[in-house]
Amino acid sequence: MKTLLLMLGVVAFVYLEPGYTLVCKSCPDWKCALTPGVECSNDSTQCYKKLLESGGLFPKYERGCATNCTTVTGKEKVTYCATDNCND
């Protein structure tokens, strides 16, 4: 009986699913679609994409994880989203 309880405990521990972690892109250039995203910290609930440089054929962006959506000031162009790799 003890062996059965021990086995059930081990099986339950092995199959416990850890909490969900958001995955966001973090690369600056147009090749971002070809790279895998990075796991965000547990307190991050959003991905962001901020336009840094719009001149030329391929604009440059800053991408990453954010804990919340901040208010955009001036002419900044920042977008926020909440699903995996949505800041592509």
PDB file of N, CA and C in Angstrom:
ATOM      1  N   MET A   1       0.823  -1.198   0.000  1.00  0.00           N
ATOM      2  CA  MET A   1       0.000   0.000   0.000  1.00  0.00           C
ATOM      3  C   MET A   1       0.867   1.262   0.000  1.00  0.00           C
ATOM      4  N   LYS A   2       1.927   1.226   0.824  1.00  0.00           N
ATOM      5  CA  LYS A   2       2.824   2.375   0.876  1.00  0.00           C
ATOM      6  C   LYS A   2       3.522   2.577  -0.469  1.00  0.00           C
ATOM      7  N   THR A   3       3.864   1.486  -1.110  1.00  0.00           N
ATOM      8  CA  THR A   3       4.524   1.572  -2.410  1.00  0.00           C
ATOM      9  C   THR A   3       3.601   2.206  -3.443  1.00  0.00           C
ATOM     10  N   LEU A   4       2.347   1.840  -3.419  1.00  0.00           N
ATOM     11  CA  LEU A   4       1.374   2.411  -4.347  1.00  0.00           C
ATOM     12  C   LEU A   4       1.222   3.910  -4.120  1.00  0.00           C
ATOM     13  N   LEU A   5       1.134   4.321  -2.866  1.00  0.00           N
ATOM     14  CA  LEU A   5       1.020   5.748  -2.554  1.00  0.00           C
ATOM     15  C   LEU A   5       2.272   6.506  -2.986  1.00  0.00           C
ATOM     16  N   LEU A   6       3.429   5.900  -2.770  1.00  0.00           N
ATOM     17  CA  LEU A   6       4.680   6.529  -3.183  1.00  0.00           C
ATOM     18  C   LEU A   6       4.724   6.685  -4.701  1.00  0.00           C
ATOM     19  N   MET A   7       4.321   5.658  -5.429  1.00  0.00           N
ATOM     20  CA  MET A   7       4.311   5.733  -6.895  1.00  0.00           C
ATOM     21  C   MET A   7       3.335   6.799  -7.383  1.00  0.00           C
ATOM     22  N   LEU A   8       2.163   6.887  -6.781  1.00  0.00           N
ATOM     23  CA  LEU A   8       1.199   7.919  -7.164  1.00  0.00           C
ATOM     24  C   LEU A   8       1.760   9.315  -6.900  1.00  0.00           C
ATOM     25  N   GLY A   9       2.458   9.471  -5.789  1.00  0.00           N
ATOM     26  CA  GLY A   9       3.076  10.757  -5.478  1.00  0.00           C
ATOM     27  C   GLY A   9       4.134  11.132  -6.497  1.00  0.00           C
ATOM     28  N   VAL A  10       4.963  10.192  -6.896  1.00  0.00           N
ATOM     29  CA  VAL A  10       6.009  10.447  -7.892  1.00  0.00           C
ATOM     30  C   VAL A  10       5.386  10.798  -9.238  1.00  0.00           C
ATOM     31  N   VAL A  11       4.394  10.053  -9.659  1.00  0.00           N
ATOM     32  CA  VAL A  11       3.727  10.323 -10.937  1.00  0.00           C
ATOM     33  C   VAL A  11       3.081  11.706 -10.923  1.00  0.00           C
ATOM     34  N   ALA A  12       2.429  12.059  -9.841  1.00  0.00           N
ATOM     35  CA  ALA A  12       1.796  13.378  -9.742  1.00  0.00           C
ATOM     36  C   ALA A  12       2.843  14.481  -9.802  1.00  0.00           C
ATOM     37  N   PHE A  13       3.977  14.297  -9.149  1.00  0.00           N
ATOM     38  CA  PHE A  13       5.035  15.306  -9.153  1.00  0.00           C
ATOM     39  C   PHE A  13       5.635  15.471 -10.547  1.00  0.00           C
ATOM     40  N   VAL A  14       5.867  14.366 -11.241  1.00  0.00           N
ATOM     41  CA  VAL A  14       6.474  14.412 -12.576  1.00  0.00           C
ATOM     42  C   VAL A  14       5.561  15.111 -13.574  1.00  0.00           C
ATOM     43  N   TYR A  15       4.268  14.892 -13.463  1.00  0.00           N
ATOM     44  CA  TYR A  15       3.342  15.447 -14.439  1.00  0.00           C
ATOM     45  C   TYR A  15       2.736  16.790 -14.045  1.00  0.00           C
ATOM     46  N   LEU A  16       3.218  17.401 -12.974  1.00  0.00           N
ATOM     47  CA  LEU A  16       2.743  18.742 -12.634  1.00  0.00           C
ATOM     48  C   LEU A  16       3.212  19.707 -13.707  1.00  0.00           C
ATOM     49  N   GLU A  17       2.324  20.502 -14.180  1.00  0.00           N
ATOM     50  CA  GLU A  17       2.671  21.460 -15.226  1.00  0.00           C
ATOM     51  C   GLU A  17       3.099  22.772 -14.586  1.00  0.00           C
ATOM     52  N   PRO A  18       4.282  23.292 -14.964  1.00  0.00           N
ATOM     53  CA  PRO A  18       4.711  24.575 -14.414  1.00  0.00           C
ATOM     54  C   PRO A  18       3.852  25.703 -14.968  1.00  0.00           C
ATOM     55  N   GLY A  19       3.910  26.871 -14.363  1.00  0.00           N
ATOM     56  CA  GLY A  19       3.122  28.021 -14.814  1.00  0.00           C
ATOM     57  C   GLY A  19       3.492  28.448 -16.221  1.00  0.00           C
ATOM     58  N   TYR A  20       2.581  29.139 -16.870  1.00  0.00           N
ATOM     59  CA  TYR A  20       2.788  29.611 -18.232  1.00  0.00           C
ATOM     60  C   TYR A  20       3.756  30.787 -18.247  1.00  0.00           C
ATOM     61  N   THR A  21       4.685  30.796 -19.192  1.00  0.00           N
ATOM     62  CA  THR A  21       5.627  31.894 -19.366  1.00  0.00           C
ATOM     63  C   THR A  21       5.462  32.456 -20.770  1.00  0.00           C
ATOM     64  N   LEU A  22       5.289  33.758 -20.874  1.00  0.00           N
ATOM     65  CA  LEU A  22       5.138  34.434 -22.156  1.00  0.00           C
ATOM     66  C   LEU A  22       6.454  34.390 -22.924  1.00  0.00           C
ATOM     67  N   VAL A  23       6.383  34.245 -24.237  1.00  0.00           N
ATOM     68  CA  VAL A  23       7.560  34.242 -25.105  1.00  0.00           C
ATOM     69  C   VAL A  23       7.453  35.427 -26.053  1.00  0.00           C
ATOM     70  N   CYS A  24       8.500  36.258 -26.086  1.00  0.00           N
ATOM     71  CA  CYS A  24       8.515  37.450 -26.945  1.00  0.00           C
ATOM     72  C   CYS A  24       9.774  37.469 -27.803  1.00  0.00           C
ATOM     73  N   LYS A  25       9.686  38.098 -28.948  1.00  0.00           N
ATOM     74  CA  LYS A  25      10.857  38.324 -29.792  1.00  0.00           C
ATOM     75  C   LYS A  25      11.711  39.406 -29.140  1.00  0.00           C
ATOM     76  N   SER A  26      13.034  39.356 -29.349  1.00  0.00           N
ATOM     77  CA  SER A  26      13.900  40.372 -28.762  1.00  0.00           C
ATOM     78  C   SER A  26      14.989  40.838 -29.723  1.00  0.00           C
ATOM     79  N   CYS A  27      14.828  40.601 -31.007  1.00  0.00           N
ATOM     80  CA  CYS A  27      15.835  41.000 -31.990  1.00  0.00           C
ATOM     81  C   CYS A  27      15.453  42.330 -32.645  1.00  0.00           C
ATOM     82  N   PRO A  28      16.439  43.117 -33.099  1.00  0.00           N
ATOM     83  CA  PRO A  28      16.156  44.462 -33.604  1.00  0.00           C
ATOM     84  C   PRO A  28      15.857  44.568 -35.100  1.00  0.00           C
ATOM     85  N   ASP A  29      16.188  43.578 -35.887  1.00  0.00           N
ATOM     86  CA  ASP A  29      16.105  43.780 -37.337  1.00  0.00           C
ATOM     87  C   ASP A  29      15.013  42.946 -38.000  1.00  0.00           C
ATOM     88  N   TRP A  30      14.957  43.008 -39.300  1.00  0.00           N
ATOM     89  CA  TRP A  30      13.903  42.361 -40.084  1.00  0.00           C
ATOM     90  C   TRP A  30      13.981  40.840 -40.029  1.00  0.00           C
ATOM     91  N   LYS A  31      15.128  40.277 -39.649  1.00  0.00           N
ATOM     92  CA  LYS A  31      15.277  38.822 -39.578  1.00  0.00           C
ATOM     93  C   LYS A  31      14.638  38.234 -38.323  1.00  0.00           C
ATOM     94  N   CYS A  32      13.957  39.051 -37.579  1.00  0.00           N
ATOM     95  CA  CYS A  32      13.358  38.619 -36.314  1.00  0.00           C
ATOM     96  C   CYS A  32      12.380  37.462 -36.514  1.00  0.00           C
ATOM     97  N   ALA A  33      11.706  37.429 -37.618  1.00  0.00           N
ATOM     98  CA  ALA A  33      10.738  36.358 -37.877  1.00  0.00           C
ATOM     99  C   ALA A  33      11.422  34.994 -37.954  1.00  0.00           C
ATOM    100  N   LEU A  34      12.712  34.988 -38.239  1.00  0.00           N
ATOM    101  CA  LEU A  34      13.447  33.739 -38.390  1.00  0.00           C
ATOM    102  C   LEU A  34      14.079  33.253 -37.093  1.00  0.00           C
ATOM    103  N   THR A  35      14.039  34.056 -36.052  1.00  0.00           N
ATOM    104  CA  THR A  35      14.676  33.689 -34.789  1.00  0.00           C
ATOM    105  C   THR A  35      13.626  33.306 -33.746  1.00  0.00           C
ATOM    106  N   PRO A  36      13.982  32.403 -32.841  1.00  0.00           N
ATOM    107  CA  PRO A  36      13.027  32.034 -31.791  1.00  0.00           C
ATOM    108  C   PRO A  36      12.903  33.151 -30.760  1.00  0.00           C
ATOM    109  N   GLY A  37      11.794  33.184 -30.074  1.00  0.00           N
ATOM    110  CA  GLY A  37      11.590  34.176 -29.023  1.00  0.00           C
ATOM    111  C   GLY A  37      12.302  33.772 -27.741  1.00  0.00           C
ATOM    112  N   VAL A  38      12.304  34.683 -26.779  1.00  0.00           N
ATOM    113  CA  VAL A  38      12.898  34.412 -25.471  1.00  0.00           C
ATOM    114  C   VAL A  38      11.786  34.345 -24.426  1.00  0.00           C
ATOM    115  N   GLU A  39      11.984  33.531 -23.414  1.00  0.00           N
ATOM    116  CA  GLU A  39      10.998  33.443 -22.336  1.00  0.00           C
ATOM    117  C   GLU A  39      11.103  34.675 -21.454  1.00  0.00           C
ATOM    118  N   CYS A  40       9.972  35.261 -21.154  1.00  0.00           N
ATOM    119  CA  CYS A  40       9.929  36.447 -20.297  1.00  0.00           C
ATOM    120  C   CYS A  40       9.910  36.019 -18.829  1.00  0.00           C
ATOM    121  N   SER A  41      10.151  36.966 -17.952  1.00  0.00           N
ATOM    122  CA  SER A  41      10.055  36.680 -16.523  1.00  0.00           C
ATOM    123  C   SER A  41       8.583  36.476 -16.153  1.00  0.00           C
ATOM    124  N   ASN A  42       8.337  35.926 -15.004  1.00  0.00           N
ATOM    125  CA  ASN A  42       6.963  35.616 -14.589  1.00  0.00           C
ATOM    126  C   ASN A  42       6.083  36.848 -14.448  1.00  0.00           C
ATOM    127  N   ASP A  43       6.676  38.013 -14.161  1.00  0.00           N
ATOM    128  CA  ASP A  43       5.863  39.219 -13.989  1.00  0.00           C
ATOM    129  C   ASP A  43       5.580  39.940 -15.303  1.00  0.00           C
ATOM    130  N   SER A  44       6.171  39.504 -16.401  1.00  0.00           N
ATOM    131  CA  SER A  44       5.915  40.125 -17.708  1.00  0.00           C
ATOM    132  C   SER A  44       4.629  39.575 -18.305  1.00  0.00           C
ATOM    133  N   THR A  45       3.742  40.471 -18.701  1.00  0.00           N
ATOM    134  CA  THR A  45       2.456  40.059 -19.263  1.00  0.00           C
ATOM    135  C   THR A  45       2.261  40.554 -20.686  1.00  0.00           C
ATOM    136  N   GLN A  46       3.208  41.327 -21.200  1.00  0.00           N
ATOM    137  CA  GLN A  46       3.077  41.922 -22.528  1.00  0.00           C
ATOM    138  C   GLN A  46       4.392  41.801 -23.292  1.00  0.00           C
ATOM    139  N   CYS A  47       4.290  41.769 -24.615  1.00  0.00           N
ATOM    140  CA  CYS A  47       5.439  41.938 -25.498  1.00  0.00           C
ATOM    141  C   CYS A  47       5.328  43.343 -26.077  1.00  0.00           C
ATOM    142  N   TYR A  48       6.467  43.957 -26.415  1.00  0.00           N
ATOM    143  CA  TYR A  48       6.407  45.281 -27.026  1.00  0.00           C
ATOM    144  C   TYR A  48       7.303  45.355 -28.254  1.00  0.00           C
ATOM    145  N   LYS A  49       7.000  46.315 -29.100  1.00  0.00           N
ATOM    146  CA  LYS A  49       7.773  46.580 -30.308  1.00  0.00           C
ATOM    147  C   LYS A  49       7.838  48.096 -30.460  1.00  0.00           C
ATOM    148  N   LYS A  50       9.050  48.656 -30.381  1.00  0.00           N
ATOM    149  CA  LYS A  50       9.242  50.104 -30.416  1.00  0.00           C
ATOM    150  C   LYS A  50      10.079  50.466 -31.636  1.00  0.00           C
ATOM    151  N   LEU A  51       9.562  51.375 -32.456  1.00  0.00           N
ATOM    152  CA  LEU A  51      10.275  51.822 -33.645  1.00  0.00           C
ATOM    153  C   LEU A  51      11.438  52.710 -33.225  1.00  0.00           C
ATOM    154  N   LEU A  52      12.665  52.349 -33.648  1.00  0.00           N
ATOM    155  CA  LEU A  52      13.847  53.139 -33.325  1.00  0.00           C
ATOM    156  C   LEU A  52      14.288  54.000 -34.496  1.00  0.00           C
ATOM    157  N   GLU A  53      14.266  53.412 -35.682  1.00  0.00           N
ATOM    158  CA  GLU A  53      14.775  54.093 -36.868  1.00  0.00           C
ATOM    159  C   GLU A  53      13.926  53.682 -38.062  1.00  0.00           C
ATOM    160  N   SER A  54      13.313  54.647 -38.713  1.00  0.00           N
ATOM    161  CA  SER A  54      12.410  54.299 -39.813  1.00  0.00           C
ATOM    162  C   SER A  54      13.014  54.550 -41.187  1.00  0.00           C
ATOM    163  N   GLY A  55      14.180  55.150 -41.261  1.00  0.00           N
ATOM    164  CA  GLY A  55      14.798  55.424 -42.556  1.00  0.00           C
ATOM    165  C   GLY A  55      15.329  54.159 -43.205  1.00  0.00           C
ATOM    166  N   GLY A  56      15.382  54.148 -44.504  1.00  0.00           N
ATOM    167  CA  GLY A  56      15.915  52.994 -45.211  1.00  0.00           C
ATOM    168  C   GLY A  56      14.854  51.964 -45.539  1.00  0.00           C
ATOM    169  N   LEU A  57      15.310  50.901 -46.146  1.00  0.00           N
ATOM    170  CA  LEU A  57      14.404  49.844 -46.590  1.00  0.00           C
ATOM    171  C   LEU A  57      13.862  49.018 -45.418  1.00  0.00           C
ATOM    172  N   PHE A  58      14.716  48.767 -44.423  1.00  0.00           N
ATOM    173  CA  PHE A  58      14.311  47.950 -43.279  1.00  0.00           C
ATOM    174  C   PHE A  58      14.379  48.773 -41.997  1.00  0.00           C
ATOM    175  N   PRO A  59      13.237  49.109 -41.408  1.00  0.00           N
ATOM    176  CA  PRO A  59      13.242  49.872 -40.156  1.00  0.00           C
ATOM    177  C   PRO A  59      13.826  49.044 -39.005  1.00  0.00           C
ATOM    178  N   LYS A  60      14.369  49.730 -38.000  1.00  0.00           N
ATOM    179  CA  LYS A  60      14.933  49.050 -36.829  1.00  0.00           C
ATOM    180  C   LYS A  60      13.985  49.213 -35.650  1.00  0.00           C
ATOM    181  N   TYR A  61      13.823  48.129 -34.918  1.00  0.00           N
ATOM    182  CA  TYR A  61      12.914  48.097 -33.782  1.00  0.00           C
ATOM    183  C   TYR A  61      13.632  47.613 -32.535  1.00  0.00           C
ATOM    184  N   GLU A  62      13.090  47.982 -31.410  1.00  0.00           N
ATOM    185  CA  GLU A  62      13.473  47.390 -30.130  1.00  0.00           C
ATOM    186  C   GLU A  62      12.308  46.498 -29.738  1.00  0.00           C
ATOM    187  N   ARG A  63      12.596  45.254 -29.419  1.00  0.00           N
ATOM    188  CA  ARG A  63      11.549  44.301 -29.051  1.00  0.00           C
ATOM    189  C   ARG A  63      11.899  43.659 -27.722  1.00  0.00           C
ATOM    190  N   GLY A  64      10.874  43.247 -26.992  1.00  0.00           N
ATOM    191  CA  GLY A  64      11.140  42.563 -25.738  1.00  0.00           C
ATOM    192  C   GLY A  64       9.898  42.330 -24.907  1.00  0.00           C
ATOM    193  N   CYS A  65      10.127  42.042 -23.626  1.00  0.00           N
ATOM    194  CA  CYS A  65       9.064  41.768 -22.663  1.00  0.00           C
ATOM    195  C   CYS A  65       8.783  43.016 -21.837  1.00  0.00           C
ATOM    196  N   ALA A  66       7.539  43.183 -21.420  1.00  0.00           N
ATOM    197  CA  ALA A  66       7.154  44.319 -20.581  1.00  0.00           C
ATOM    198  C   ALA A  66       6.209  43.840 -19.486  1.00  0.00           C
ATOM    199  N   THR A  67       6.287  44.492 -18.336  1.00  0.00           N
ATOM    200  CA  THR A  67       5.392  44.120 -17.238  1.00  0.00           C
ATOM    201  C   THR A  67       4.009  44.714 -17.422  1.00  0.00           C
ATOM    202  N   ASN A  68       3.928  45.838 -18.132  1.00  0.00           N
ATOM    203  CA  ASN A  68       2.629  46.462 -18.421  1.00  0.00           C
ATOM    204  C   ASN A  68       2.787  47.429 -19.591  1.00  0.00           C
ATOM    205  N   CYS A  69       1.690  47.941 -20.075  1.00  0.00           N
ATOM    206  CA  CYS A  69       1.720  48.916 -21.165  1.00  0.00           C
ATOM    207  C   CYS A  69       1.947  50.297 -20.561  1.00  0.00           C
ATOM    208  N   THR A  70       2.979  50.971 -21.019  1.00  0.00           N
ATOM    209  CA  THR A  70       3.243  52.320 -20.531  1.00  0.00           C
ATOM    210  C   THR A  70       2.698  53.334 -21.523  1.00  0.00           C
ATOM    211  N   THR A  71       2.449  54.522 -21.054  1.00  0.00           N
ATOM    212  CA  THR A  71       1.931  55.586 -21.906  1.00  0.00           C
ATOM    213  C   THR A  71       3.038  56.072 -22.832  1.00  0.00           C
ATOM    214  N   VAL A  72       2.730  56.171 -24.101  1.00  0.00           N
ATOM    215  CA  VAL A  72       3.694  56.631 -25.099  1.00  0.00           C
ATOM    216  C   VAL A  72       3.720  58.151 -25.084  1.00  0.00           C
ATOM    217  N   THR A  73       4.930  58.718 -25.066  1.00  0.00           N
ATOM    218  CA  THR A  73       5.071  60.171 -25.055  1.00  0.00           C
ATOM    219  C   THR A  73       5.689  60.651 -26.358  1.00  0.00           C
ATOM    220  N   GLY A  74       5.278  61.820 -26.795  1.00  0.00           N
ATOM    221  CA  GLY A  74       5.845  62.401 -28.007  1.00  0.00           C
ATOM    222  C   GLY A  74       5.516  61.611 -29.249  1.00  0.00           C
ATOM    223  N   LYS A  75       6.530  61.446 -30.089  1.00  0.00           N
ATOM    224  CA  LYS A  75       6.331  60.762 -31.369  1.00  0.00           C
ATOM    225  C   LYS A  75       6.750  59.296 -31.330  1.00  0.00           C
ATOM    226  N   GLU A  76       6.930  58.754 -30.146  1.00  0.00           N
ATOM    227  CA  GLU A  76       7.305  57.346 -30.038  1.00  0.00           C
ATOM    228  C   GLU A  76       6.218  56.456 -30.629  1.00  0.00           C
ATOM    229  N   LYS A  77       6.648  55.389 -31.281  1.00  0.00           N
ATOM    230  CA  LYS A  77       5.706  54.413 -31.826  1.00  0.00           C
ATOM    231  C   LYS A  77       5.982  53.077 -31.152  1.00  0.00           C
ATOM    232  N   VAL A  78       5.127  52.736 -30.192  1.00  0.00           N
ATOM    233  CA  VAL A  78       5.272  51.496 -29.431  1.00  0.00           C
ATOM    234  C   VAL A  78       3.959  50.730 -29.503  1.00  0.00           C
ATOM    235  N   THR A  79       4.050  49.443 -29.784  1.00  0.00           N
ATOM    236  CA  THR A  79       2.861  48.594 -29.762  1.00  0.00           C
ATOM    237  C   THR A  79       3.064  47.495 -28.718  1.00  0.00           C
ATOM    238  N   TYR A  80       1.978  47.105 -28.077  1.00  0.00           N
ATOM    239  CA  TYR A  80       1.993  46.061 -27.059  1.00  0.00           C
ATOM    240  C   TYR A  80       1.028  44.952 -27.468  1.00  0.00           C
ATOM    241  N   CYS A  81       1.351  43.727 -27.081  1.00  0.00           N
ATOM    242  CA  CYS A  81       0.480  42.587 -27.354  1.00  0.00           C
ATOM    243  C   CYS A  81       0.714  41.535 -26.272  1.00  0.00           C
ATOM    244  N   ALA A  82      -0.154  40.557 -26.192  1.00  0.00           N
ATOM    245  CA  ALA A  82      -0.094  39.626 -25.065  1.00  0.00           C
ATOM    246  C   ALA A  82      -0.093  38.149 -25.447  1.00  0.00           C
ATOM    247  N   THR A  83       0.314  37.806 -26.654  1.00  0.00           N
ATOM    248  CA  THR A  83       0.405  36.399 -27.030  1.00  0.00           C
ATOM    249  C   THR A  83       1.841  36.080 -27.433  1.00  0.00           C
ATOM    250  N   ASP A  84       2.190  34.813 -27.461  1.00  0.00           N
ATOM    251  CA  ASP A  84       3.557  34.411 -27.786  1.00  0.00           C
ATOM    252  C   ASP A  84       4.002  34.924 -29.151  1.00  0.00           C
ATOM    253  N   ASN A  85       5.189  35.509 -29.179  1.00  0.00           N
ATOM    254  CA  ASN A  85       5.839  36.006 -30.401  1.00  0.00           C
ATOM    255  C   ASN A  85       4.978  36.970 -31.204  1.00  0.00           C
ATOM    256  N   CYS A  86       4.124  37.710 -30.549  1.00  0.00           N
ATOM    257  CA  CYS A  86       3.229  38.635 -31.249  1.00  0.00           C
ATOM    258  C   CYS A  86       3.920  39.934 -31.645  1.00  0.00           C
ATOM    259  N   ASN A  87       5.123  40.204 -31.141  1.00  0.00           N
ATOM    260  CA  ASN A  87       5.831  41.437 -31.479  1.00  0.00           C
ATOM    261  C   ASN A  87       6.816  41.225 -32.624  1.00  0.00           C
ATOM    262  N   ASP A  88       6.475  40.341 -33.521  1.00  0.00           N
ATOM    263  CA  ASP A  88       7.316  39.996 -34.671  1.00  0.00           C
ATOM    264  C   ASP A  88       7.411  41.146 -35.641  1.00  0.00           C
TER     265      ASP A  88
END
